[in-house]
Amino acid sequence: MSSPTRYQNYINAAFVDTDEHLEVRNPANGDLLSLVPESRASDVEAAIDAAHDAKKAWAALPAIERAGYLRKIAARIRQDVSGLARMISAEQGKVMGLAEVEVNFTADYLDYMAEWARRIEGEVIESDRPNETIMMLRKPLGVIAGILPWNFPFFLIARKMAPALVTGNTIVIKPSEETPNNCFAFARIVHEVGLPRGVFNVVSGAGRGAGEALTGSSRVDMISFTGSVATGSRIMAQAAPNLTKLNLELGGKAPAIVLDDADLDLAVNAIRASRVINTGQVCNCAERVYVQRSIAGDFIDRIARAMAATTFGDPLAEPDVEMGPLINQAGLDKVEQMVKTAVGEGAELITGGGVAELGKGFHYQPTVLSGCRADMDIMRREIFGPVLPIQVIDDLDEAIALANDSEYGLTSSIYTRSLASTMRACREIDYGETYINRENFEAMQGFHAGVRKSGIGGADGKHGLYEYTHTQVVYLEA
C-alpha cells in the first residue's frame, strides 16, 4: 500500500504546512488516505488576513472579470472528472456514478454563477423630493467563511465560493475533517488558473479548533455553514458577539406523502432513490413516509422489495454497487441504535435492520420499518442512513398535520394524481421545498432554503446569489 498523501493549507496563493496533522481514512475499508493540516488559530488568522487584504482589489474588478476566473476553474475541473470523482469516493464512500455527477454539477454550477456577472441588479426608487434620485446598490459583504459538510464536499465548495466571488467577496473555506482531500485538489486547480492572491483560501482542521477561529473572528463578514443543527447553534453563539451575518443550511426530516391515487411505481422508485442516494446521508432525502391506508399494504411490499434489492459495498472495489458506506463509526452506531429503538417501541422490521457483515467499513443494510408512530424517535430525529420509516394515515388532512409537526422544515414531497391535492399541499405544507411526483433533488436555479431548525437563509439561484451582498441606498440630488 502506498504512503498517504500529505496536504498543506492554501493561504494567500501559497501552500503552507502546519506542525500537526489529522488522518483521513476511507470509510469503506479503513485505508489511510492522507494527512491534512490540523490548523491552529494562527493559521486561520493568516487566511483571514489574506482574504481581508485581497477584498478591496477583488471587489474593484468588473464582475465579468471575476466570472472569468470561475469559468476557468470549471473548465479545469472538467479535465479530470474521473480522478476527482475517485478522490471523493475514496474519502466519503460515494458510489462513482454519483461522485462523477457531483464533479460535473460543480463545474456547471460555477458556470451558472458566472453567468450572473451581467445580471446583478440594483433598483431606482421614486423620491418624494424634486431633483432627487434614490438608488439601491448591491455591494459585496467582504470576507466570507465557508464551512463545509462531508456529504457533498466538492459541490459545496462551489455552492459557497461561486456566488461569493462573483459578487466581489473573498473567502476562507474550511472543509470537513472527514473529507478534506477534494478541497485541497480544488485549491490546486484554483492555483493553476491564477486566481489573485488571497481571494480563495483553504484551512483544514477540527471544528472545535479551526472552525471556531473562523466563526469567532470580527473580520469575517458572513459565515456560510452546512451541517448539523447542533453545530449551527454553536456557530450562532460564536458569531453573536460580532453580530456576524449567518447563512445556515442545517438538518432535515423530509416527509413523503403517498395518497391512494398515486402512481405507485413512480412513488416507489422516487422514494427509494431519495432514500438510498449517498447512503441516505443527504439533508433533503425522504426521511419518513406517510401512506394512505387503502394502498399501504401494496406500497410497503413494493418499497421493501426495492430497498432489499439495493446493492451495496465498497464503491471503488465494486463499481456496480448502488450504495456505499456510512461516513464513520459514529454514524453507523447512530443508525443502528435508532432502528433498535424503533423496533423496541413497536415498529415492524420489514427488511434489513442490521450492520452489514462485509468484514470492514461502515456499512448498514437498506432498511424498511412499518407500523411507525408520530411519537417515535425515528419519525422525529434525522436518521442520515438508509432507513425508511413508514406511518399509515387516513387522509391528506392527517398527512399534512403530521408532516408539519416537526422541528425541521427543509424538503417535503407528495405523490398524487390530483391537482387539487397537489395545490393544497403546496399551500399548507410548511417547508422550504416541496417535490411533486419526483425524487428529492434541487435545481441550481431554484432556492434551497428551509424553515424552523432547518436553517437561516438559503442557496442557489438569484436569491442565493444575493445572500452574499448587502444593500446601500444612495439619495442623490442633482
Protein backbone atom coordinates (compact mmCIF):
# COMPACT_ATOMS: atom_id res chain seq x y z
CA MET A 1 0.00 0.00 0.00
CA SER A 2 1.33 3.45 -0.95
CA SER A 3 2.12 6.04 1.73
CA PRO A 4 -0.61 8.60 2.48
CA THR A 5 -0.64 11.94 0.68
CA ARG A 6 0.38 14.89 2.86
CA TYR A 7 -1.60 18.06 2.16
CA GLN A 8 -0.96 21.71 3.04
CA ASN A 9 -3.25 24.65 3.72
CA TYR A 10 -3.77 27.09 0.86
CA ILE A 11 -3.29 30.66 2.10
CA ASN A 12 -2.65 33.77 0.02
CA ALA A 13 -1.96 31.73 -3.13
CA ALA A 14 0.66 29.55 -1.41
CA PHE A 15 0.62 26.03 0.05
CA VAL A 16 1.58 26.27 3.71
CA ASP A 17 2.44 23.39 6.06
CA THR A 18 1.48 23.05 9.72
CA ASP A 19 3.02 21.28 12.69
CA GLU A 20 0.12 18.94 13.40
CA HIS A 21 -1.94 16.75 11.08
CA LEU A 22 -5.15 14.71 11.02
CA GLU A 23 -5.60 11.31 9.40
CA VAL A 24 -8.19 10.82 6.65
CA ARG A 25 -9.39 7.26 6.08
CA ASN A 26 -11.60 5.51 3.54
CA PRO A 27 -14.93 4.71 5.28
CA ALA A 28 -15.48 1.69 3.01
CA ASN A 29 -12.34 -0.17 4.10
CA GLY A 30 -10.43 1.84 6.70
CA ASP A 31 -7.39 2.55 4.50
CA LEU A 32 -5.32 5.60 5.45
CA LEU A 33 -5.59 8.08 2.57
CA SER A 34 -3.90 11.27 3.69
CA LEU A 35 -2.56 13.53 6.38
CA VAL A 36 -4.10 17.02 6.41
CA PRO A 37 -3.33 20.12 8.48
CA GLU A 38 -4.75 20.41 11.97
CA SER A 39 -4.79 24.19 11.73
CA ARG A 40 -4.06 26.43 14.70
CA ALA A 41 -5.77 29.74 15.34
CA SER A 42 -2.72 31.48 13.85
CA ASP A 43 -3.15 29.55 10.58
CA VAL A 44 -6.79 30.61 10.37
CA GLU A 45 -5.85 34.21 11.17
CA ALA A 46 -3.32 34.16 8.34
CA ALA A 47 -6.04 33.02 5.93
CA ILE A 48 -8.42 35.73 7.17
CA ASP A 49 -5.60 38.29 6.81
CA ALA A 50 -5.08 37.22 3.20
CA ALA A 51 -8.81 37.40 2.39
CA HIS A 52 -9.14 40.76 4.14
CA ASP A 53 -6.17 42.25 2.29
CA ALA A 54 -7.45 41.00 -1.07
CA LYS A 55 -11.09 42.08 -0.80
CA LYS A 56 -10.77 45.70 -1.97
CA ALA A 57 -8.90 44.92 -5.18
CA TRP A 58 -11.11 41.92 -5.93
CA ALA A 59 -14.32 43.92 -5.43
CA ALA A 60 -12.94 46.63 -7.74
CA LEU A 61 -12.64 44.19 -10.64
CA PRO A 62 -15.62 44.23 -13.01
CA ALA A 63 -17.92 41.34 -12.23
CA ILE A 64 -17.40 39.90 -15.72
CA GLU A 65 -13.68 39.57 -14.98
CA ARG A 66 -14.39 37.85 -11.68
CA ALA A 67 -16.71 35.49 -13.53
CA GLY A 68 -13.95 34.67 -15.99
CA TYR A 69 -11.96 33.01 -13.21
CA LEU A 70 -14.98 30.86 -12.28
CA ARG A 71 -15.24 29.69 -15.89
CA LYS A 72 -11.55 28.79 -15.95
CA ILE A 73 -11.94 26.74 -12.78
CA ALA A 74 -14.98 24.97 -14.26
CA ALA A 75 -13.08 24.13 -17.43
CA ARG A 76 -10.14 22.76 -15.46
CA ILE A 77 -12.48 20.60 -13.31
CA ARG A 78 -13.93 19.03 -16.46
CA GLN A 79 -10.45 17.91 -17.50
CA ASP A 80 -10.26 15.45 -14.58
CA VAL A 81 -13.79 14.34 -13.73
CA SER A 82 -12.83 10.71 -13.15
CA GLY A 83 -9.81 11.48 -10.97
CA LEU A 84 -11.69 13.95 -8.80
CA ALA A 85 -14.63 11.53 -8.50
CA ARG A 86 -12.32 8.73 -7.34
CA MET A 87 -10.88 11.04 -4.69
CA ILE A 88 -14.39 11.89 -3.44
CA SER A 89 -15.43 8.23 -3.46
CA ALA A 90 -12.32 7.18 -1.53
CA GLU A 91 -12.73 9.66 1.32
CA GLN A 92 -16.53 9.83 1.50
CA GLY A 93 -17.73 6.43 0.31
CA LYS A 94 -19.89 7.80 -2.50
CA VAL A 95 -20.57 5.49 -5.46
CA MET A 96 -18.59 6.52 -8.53
CA GLY A 97 -21.61 7.41 -10.66
CA LEU A 98 -22.85 9.89 -8.04
CA ALA A 99 -19.32 11.21 -7.45
CA GLU A 100 -18.98 11.94 -11.17
CA VAL A 101 -22.38 13.68 -11.11
CA GLU A 102 -21.13 15.80 -8.20
CA VAL A 103 -17.96 16.83 -10.07
CA ASN A 104 -19.82 17.71 -13.27
CA PHE A 105 -22.55 19.53 -11.36
CA THR A 106 -19.86 21.55 -9.57
CA ALA A 107 -18.41 22.70 -12.89
CA ASP A 108 -21.89 23.53 -14.19
CA TYR A 109 -22.63 25.47 -11.00
CA LEU A 110 -19.50 27.59 -11.41
CA ASP A 111 -20.54 28.39 -14.98
CA TYR A 112 -24.10 29.15 -13.87
CA MET A 113 -22.97 31.60 -11.20
CA ALA A 114 -20.52 33.17 -13.65
CA GLU A 115 -23.50 33.99 -15.89
CA TRP A 116 -24.81 36.30 -13.15
CA ALA A 117 -21.93 38.73 -13.66
CA ARG A 118 -24.06 40.85 -16.01
CA ARG A 119 -27.31 40.26 -14.11
CA ILE A 120 -26.59 41.60 -10.62
CA GLU A 121 -29.20 44.32 -10.24
CA GLY A 122 -29.91 47.29 -8.00
CA GLU A 123 -33.02 49.46 -8.01
CA VAL A 124 -34.04 53.03 -8.75
CA ILE A 125 -36.79 54.22 -6.40
CA GLU A 126 -39.04 57.24 -6.90
CA SER A 127 -38.25 60.10 -4.48
CA ASP A 128 -40.62 62.42 -2.64
CA ARG A 129 -38.32 65.37 -3.44
CA PRO A 130 -37.77 67.20 -6.71
CA ASN A 131 -34.42 66.66 -8.41
CA GLU A 132 -33.59 63.64 -6.23
CA THR A 133 -32.98 60.06 -7.32
CA ILE A 134 -32.95 57.19 -4.83
CA MET A 135 -30.75 54.28 -5.87
CA MET A 136 -30.31 50.94 -4.11
CA LEU A 137 -26.95 49.34 -4.88
CA ARG A 138 -25.75 45.81 -4.14
CA LYS A 139 -22.31 45.60 -2.55
CA PRO A 140 -20.10 42.67 -1.51
CA LEU A 141 -20.05 41.84 2.18
CA GLY A 142 -16.28 41.36 2.41
CA VAL A 143 -14.72 38.20 3.84
CA ILE A 144 -16.82 35.01 3.78
CA ALA A 145 -16.18 31.94 5.94
CA GLY A 146 -17.38 28.81 4.15
CA ILE A 147 -17.64 25.80 6.46
CA LEU A 148 -18.36 22.56 4.63
CA PRO A 149 -20.04 19.23 5.40
CA TRP A 150 -18.74 15.85 4.29
CA ASN A 151 -21.71 14.52 2.29
CA PHE A 152 -21.30 16.60 -0.91
CA PRO A 153 -17.88 18.10 -0.15
CA PHE A 154 -16.78 19.09 -3.64
CA PHE A 155 -20.03 20.69 -4.76
CA LEU A 156 -20.40 22.63 -1.51
CA ILE A 157 -17.11 24.41 -2.22
CA ALA A 158 -18.64 25.87 -5.37
CA ARG A 159 -22.02 26.49 -3.75
CA LYS A 160 -20.31 28.87 -1.34
CA MET A 161 -17.36 30.27 -3.27
CA ALA A 162 -19.02 30.87 -6.66
CA PRO A 163 -21.73 33.33 -5.52
CA ALA A 164 -19.29 34.85 -3.03
CA LEU A 165 -16.60 35.54 -5.62
CA VAL A 166 -18.81 36.72 -8.47
CA THR A 167 -20.41 39.32 -6.17
CA GLY A 168 -16.99 40.62 -5.14
CA ASN A 169 -16.26 38.85 -1.85
CA THR A 170 -13.19 36.87 -0.83
CA ILE A 171 -13.45 33.55 1.02
CA VAL A 172 -11.83 31.23 3.52
CA ILE A 173 -13.01 27.62 3.21
CA LYS A 174 -12.80 25.05 5.99
CA PRO A 175 -13.61 21.54 4.73
CA SER A 176 -14.94 18.80 6.96
CA GLU A 177 -12.16 16.89 8.68
CA GLU A 178 -13.80 13.73 7.29
CA THR A 179 -13.44 14.77 3.62
CA PRO A 180 -10.77 17.45 3.08
CA ASN A 181 -8.76 15.86 0.26
CA ASN A 182 -11.04 17.00 -2.55
CA CYS A 183 -10.91 20.57 -1.21
CA PHE A 184 -7.14 20.61 -1.49
CA ALA A 185 -7.50 19.30 -5.05
CA PHE A 186 -9.89 22.20 -5.69
CA ALA A 187 -7.29 24.59 -4.23
CA ARG A 188 -4.68 23.18 -6.62
CA ILE A 189 -6.99 23.95 -9.54
CA VAL A 190 -7.58 27.48 -8.24
CA HIS A 191 -3.81 27.93 -8.01
CA GLU A 192 -3.26 26.67 -11.55
CA VAL A 193 -5.79 29.08 -13.07
CA GLY A 194 -4.11 32.03 -11.34
CA LEU A 195 -6.86 33.40 -9.12
CA PRO A 196 -5.44 36.55 -7.44
CA ARG A 197 -3.72 36.15 -4.09
CA GLY A 198 -5.95 35.93 -1.04
CA VAL A 199 -9.26 35.64 -2.87
CA PHE A 200 -9.65 31.91 -2.12
CA ASN A 201 -8.08 30.24 0.92
CA VAL A 202 -8.36 26.78 2.49
CA VAL A 203 -7.60 25.79 6.08
CA SER A 204 -8.41 22.33 7.41
CA GLY A 205 -8.88 21.09 10.94
CA ALA A 206 -11.44 20.17 13.55
CA GLY A 207 -14.47 22.35 14.14
CA ARG A 208 -13.55 22.99 17.76
CA GLY A 209 -10.23 24.47 16.64
CA ALA A 210 -10.02 25.86 13.12
CA GLY A 211 -13.79 26.25 12.85
CA GLU A 212 -14.15 28.31 16.00
CA ALA A 213 -11.22 30.53 14.99
CA LEU A 214 -13.20 31.35 11.83
CA THR A 215 -16.64 31.77 13.36
CA GLY A 216 -15.40 33.94 16.21
CA SER A 217 -13.42 36.37 14.07
CA SER A 218 -14.51 40.01 13.98
CA ARG A 219 -13.07 40.31 10.46
CA VAL A 220 -15.36 37.70 8.93
CA ASP A 221 -18.40 39.38 7.39
CA MET A 222 -20.57 36.29 6.78
CA ILE A 223 -20.46 32.65 7.85
CA SER A 224 -21.96 30.19 5.39
CA PHE A 225 -22.29 26.79 7.03
CA THR A 226 -23.85 23.49 6.00
CA GLY A 227 -24.19 20.79 8.65
CA SER A 228 -26.00 19.75 11.80
CA VAL A 229 -28.39 21.77 13.93
CA ALA A 230 -26.13 21.34 16.97
CA THR A 231 -23.11 22.75 15.16
CA GLY A 232 -25.20 25.52 13.60
CA SER A 233 -26.37 26.54 17.07
CA ARG A 234 -22.77 26.68 18.32
CA ILE A 235 -21.80 28.81 15.33
CA MET A 236 -24.63 31.24 16.09
CA ALA A 237 -23.34 31.61 19.65
CA GLN A 238 -19.76 32.16 18.46
CA ALA A 239 -20.87 34.72 15.86
CA ALA A 240 -23.19 36.59 18.22
CA PRO A 241 -20.64 38.93 19.86
CA ASN A 242 -19.72 40.31 16.41
CA LEU A 243 -23.29 40.13 15.02
CA THR A 244 -21.82 38.32 12.02
CA LYS A 245 -24.30 37.57 9.24
CA LEU A 246 -25.21 33.87 9.05
CA ASN A 247 -26.27 31.58 6.24
CA LEU A 248 -27.06 28.17 7.72
CA GLU A 249 -28.29 25.03 5.96
CA LEU A 250 -28.97 22.55 8.73
CA GLY A 251 -30.87 19.30 9.17
CA GLY A 252 -33.99 17.87 7.60
CA LYS A 253 -36.66 15.26 8.26
CA ALA A 254 -38.34 15.26 4.87
CA PRO A 255 -41.88 13.82 4.80
CA ALA A 256 -43.06 11.92 1.71
CA ILE A 257 -46.85 11.69 1.40
CA VAL A 258 -48.29 8.90 -0.77
CA LEU A 259 -52.02 9.23 -1.45
CA ASP A 260 -54.30 6.47 -2.72
CA ASP A 261 -54.44 7.92 -6.25
CA ALA A 262 -50.64 7.97 -6.64
CA ASP A 263 -48.73 6.20 -9.39
CA LEU A 264 -47.22 3.59 -7.09
CA ASP A 265 -44.42 2.56 -9.44
CA LEU A 266 -43.32 6.19 -9.67
CA ALA A 267 -43.67 6.73 -5.92
CA VAL A 268 -41.68 3.63 -5.01
CA ASN A 269 -38.87 4.39 -7.44
CA ALA A 270 -38.62 8.06 -6.44
CA ILE A 271 -38.79 7.47 -2.69
CA ARG A 272 -36.25 4.67 -2.87
CA ALA A 273 -33.93 6.88 -4.93
CA SER A 274 -34.42 9.69 -2.41
CA ARG A 275 -33.55 7.34 0.45
CA VAL A 276 -30.53 5.39 -0.77
CA ILE A 277 -28.75 8.21 -2.60
CA ASN A 278 -25.43 8.76 -0.84
CA THR A 279 -26.50 6.03 1.63
CA GLY A 280 -29.26 8.27 2.96
CA GLN A 281 -26.76 10.92 4.06
CA VAL A 282 -28.47 13.88 2.39
CA CYS A 283 -30.41 16.61 4.18
CA ASN A 284 -33.24 16.53 1.64
CA CYS A 285 -33.60 12.74 1.48
CA ALA A 286 -37.07 11.29 2.07
CA GLU A 287 -36.74 10.63 5.83
CA ARG A 288 -40.28 9.44 6.66
CA VAL A 289 -43.27 8.23 4.64
CA TYR A 290 -46.99 8.79 5.25
CA VAL A 291 -49.01 6.40 3.07
CA GLN A 292 -52.81 6.30 2.79
CA ARG A 293 -54.36 3.25 4.42
CA SER A 294 -56.10 1.74 1.38
CA ILE A 295 -52.80 1.31 -0.50
CA ALA A 296 -50.44 0.90 2.47
CA GLY A 297 -50.00 -2.86 2.18
CA ASP A 298 -49.20 -2.72 -1.53
CA PHE A 299 -46.84 0.24 -1.13
CA ILE A 300 -44.96 -1.28 1.81
CA ASP A 301 -44.50 -4.56 -0.03
CA ARG A 302 -43.17 -2.77 -3.13
CA ILE A 303 -40.83 -0.38 -1.34
CA ALA A 304 -39.47 -3.20 0.84
CA ARG A 305 -38.63 -5.28 -2.21
CA ALA A 306 -37.00 -2.29 -3.88
CA MET A 307 -34.91 -1.46 -0.81
CA ALA A 308 -33.92 -5.10 -0.27
CA ALA A 309 -32.70 -5.29 -3.88
CA THR A 310 -30.34 -2.34 -3.39
CA THR A 311 -26.73 -3.44 -3.80
CA PHE A 312 -24.07 -2.02 -1.50
CA GLY A 313 -20.38 -2.32 -0.70
CA ASP A 314 -17.04 -0.63 -1.37
CA PRO A 315 -17.68 1.61 -4.42
CA LEU A 316 -14.09 1.54 -5.66
CA ALA A 317 -13.73 -2.23 -5.28
CA GLU A 318 -17.24 -2.97 -6.61
CA PRO A 319 -18.08 -0.27 -9.19
CA ASP A 320 -21.64 -1.51 -9.81
CA VAL A 321 -22.97 -1.14 -6.25
CA GLU A 322 -25.76 1.38 -5.71
CA MET A 323 -24.78 2.39 -2.19
CA GLY A 324 -21.56 2.84 -0.25
CA PRO A 325 -20.78 3.02 3.49
CA LEU A 326 -21.82 5.48 6.14
CA ILE A 327 -19.20 8.13 6.83
CA ASN A 328 -17.81 6.81 10.13
CA GLN A 329 -18.36 4.59 13.16
CA ALA A 330 -20.41 7.24 14.96
CA GLY A 331 -22.79 7.47 12.02
CA LEU A 332 -23.13 3.68 11.88
CA ASP A 333 -23.74 3.43 15.62
CA LYS A 334 -26.42 6.13 15.46
CA VAL A 335 -28.37 4.41 12.66
CA GLU A 336 -28.11 1.01 14.34
CA GLN A 337 -29.37 2.36 17.67
CA MET A 338 -32.26 4.28 16.09
CA VAL A 339 -33.52 1.15 14.35
CA LYS A 340 -33.22 -0.95 17.52
CA THR A 341 -35.09 1.70 19.50
CA ALA A 342 -37.88 1.89 16.90
CA VAL A 343 -38.36 -1.88 16.91
CA GLY A 344 -38.41 -1.82 20.71
CA GLU A 345 -41.14 0.84 20.57
CA GLY A 346 -43.32 -1.33 18.33
CA ALA A 347 -42.21 -0.68 14.75
CA GLU A 348 -42.19 -3.73 12.47
CA LEU A 349 -38.93 -4.53 10.69
CA ILE A 350 -39.83 -5.41 7.09
CA THR A 351 -36.36 -5.69 5.58
CA GLY A 352 -32.76 -5.02 6.59
CA GLY A 353 -32.24 -3.80 10.12
CA GLY A 354 -28.61 -4.53 10.83
CA VAL A 355 -24.96 -3.75 10.25
CA ALA A 356 -23.81 -5.39 7.01
CA GLU A 357 -21.19 -8.06 7.64
CA LEU A 358 -18.73 -7.10 4.92
CA GLY A 359 -15.62 -7.52 7.04
CA LYS A 360 -14.64 -3.85 7.13
CA GLY A 361 -16.12 -0.41 6.61
CA PHE A 362 -19.24 1.28 7.99
CA HIS A 363 -21.98 -0.48 6.02
CA TYR A 364 -25.65 -0.72 7.04
CA GLN A 365 -28.37 -2.72 5.31
CA PRO A 366 -31.12 -0.87 3.41
CA THR A 367 -33.99 -0.97 5.90
CA VAL A 368 -37.77 -0.50 5.93
CA LEU A 369 -39.83 -0.12 9.11
CA SER A 370 -43.63 -0.12 9.11
CA GLY A 371 -46.11 0.47 11.91
CA CYS A 372 -44.31 3.65 12.96
CA ARG A 373 -45.99 6.33 15.05
CA ALA A 374 -45.56 10.07 15.24
CA ASP A 375 -44.14 9.92 18.77
CA MET A 376 -41.30 7.57 17.80
CA ASP A 377 -37.78 8.93 17.75
CA ILE A 378 -37.25 7.55 14.26
CA MET A 379 -40.12 9.69 12.92
CA ARG A 380 -38.80 12.85 14.58
CA ARG A 381 -34.96 12.79 14.53
CA GLU A 382 -32.81 12.87 11.41
CA ILE A 383 -31.56 9.35 10.63
CA PHE A 384 -28.88 10.10 7.99
CA GLY A 385 -28.74 6.50 6.87
CA PRO A 386 -30.51 4.03 4.50
CA VAL A 387 -33.56 3.54 6.74
CA LEU A 388 -37.15 4.30 5.72
CA PRO A 389 -39.80 4.51 8.49
CA ILE A 390 -43.44 4.37 7.36
CA GLN A 391 -46.64 5.51 9.06
CA VAL A 392 -50.14 4.77 7.77
CA ILE A 393 -52.53 7.73 7.51
CA ASP A 394 -56.23 8.05 6.66
CA ASP A 395 -56.31 11.22 4.58
CA LEU A 396 -54.45 14.30 3.40
CA ASP A 397 -55.51 16.29 6.47
CA GLU A 398 -53.70 13.86 8.74
CA ALA A 399 -50.66 13.67 6.45
CA ILE A 400 -50.20 17.45 6.33
CA ALA A 401 -50.61 17.78 10.09
CA LEU A 402 -48.00 15.07 10.73
CA ALA A 403 -45.64 16.46 8.11
CA ASN A 404 -45.72 19.91 9.69
CA ASP A 405 -45.30 18.55 13.22
CA SER A 406 -41.52 18.70 13.06
CA GLU A 407 -38.70 20.92 14.26
CA TYR A 408 -37.31 20.72 10.71
CA GLY A 409 -38.65 22.31 7.54
CA LEU A 410 -36.30 21.79 4.60
CA THR A 411 -37.81 19.46 1.97
CA SER A 412 -41.04 17.54 1.51
CA SER A 413 -42.79 15.57 -1.23
CA ILE A 414 -46.22 14.32 -2.25
CA TYR A 415 -47.32 11.62 -4.69
CA THR A 416 -50.82 12.05 -6.16
CA ARG A 417 -52.59 12.42 -9.50
CA SER A 418 -54.95 15.04 -8.06
CA LEU A 419 -54.27 18.67 -8.93
CA ALA A 420 -56.44 19.77 -6.01
CA SER A 421 -54.41 17.68 -3.54
CA THR A 422 -51.19 18.95 -5.08
CA MET A 423 -52.17 22.60 -4.79
CA ARG A 424 -53.47 22.14 -1.26
CA ALA A 425 -50.19 20.51 -0.25
CA CYS A 426 -48.26 23.42 -1.74
CA ARG A 427 -50.36 25.87 0.27
CA GLU A 428 -50.35 24.04 3.59
CA ILE A 429 -47.10 22.08 3.86
CA ASP A 430 -44.74 24.42 5.70
CA TYR A 431 -41.40 23.54 4.11
CA GLY A 432 -38.81 25.35 2.06
CA GLU A 433 -39.13 22.88 -0.81
CA THR A 434 -41.90 20.55 -1.98
CA TYR A 435 -41.40 17.94 -4.71
CA ILE A 436 -44.43 16.70 -6.62
CA ASN A 437 -44.25 13.17 -8.06
CA ARG A 438 -40.45 13.13 -8.22
CA GLU A 439 -37.33 12.41 -6.23
CA ASN A 440 -35.94 14.97 -3.78
CA PHE A 441 -33.11 16.80 -5.55
CA GLU A 442 -32.92 20.54 -6.08
CA ALA A 443 -32.02 22.62 -9.15
CA MET A 444 -29.18 25.15 -9.16
CA GLN A 445 -31.54 27.89 -10.42
CA GLY A 446 -34.01 27.34 -7.57
CA PHE A 447 -33.59 28.42 -3.95
CA HIS A 448 -32.57 25.74 -1.46
CA ALA A 449 -33.78 27.01 1.90
CA GLY A 450 -35.63 25.74 4.94
CA VAL A 451 -37.69 26.96 7.86
CA ARG A 452 -37.59 26.27 11.59
CA LYS A 453 -34.40 24.41 12.60
CA SER A 454 -33.51 23.63 9.01
CA GLY A 455 -31.66 26.90 8.71
CA ILE A 456 -31.34 30.60 8.04
CA GLY A 457 -31.09 31.99 4.52
CA GLY A 458 -30.55 29.75 1.52
CA ALA A 459 -28.53 28.88 -1.55
CA ASP A 460 -28.78 28.73 -5.34
CA GLY A 461 -30.38 30.91 -7.97
CA LYS A 462 -30.81 34.67 -7.81
CA HIS A 463 -31.87 34.64 -4.18
CA GLY A 464 -28.89 32.54 -3.13
CA LEU A 465 -26.56 34.88 -5.01
CA TYR A 466 -27.91 37.94 -3.21
CA GLU A 467 -27.26 36.31 0.17
CA TYR A 468 -23.63 37.37 -0.42
CA THR A 469 -24.44 41.07 -0.84
CA HIS A 470 -25.70 43.93 1.27
CA THR A 471 -27.61 46.96 0.03
CA GLN A 472 -26.52 50.57 0.03
CA VAL A 473 -29.22 53.18 -0.56
CA VAL A 474 -27.99 56.38 -2.21
CA TYR A 475 -30.01 59.63 -2.09
CA LEU A 476 -28.75 61.75 -4.98
CA GLU A 477 -29.87 65.33 -5.56
CA ALA A 478 -28.78 66.70 -8.91
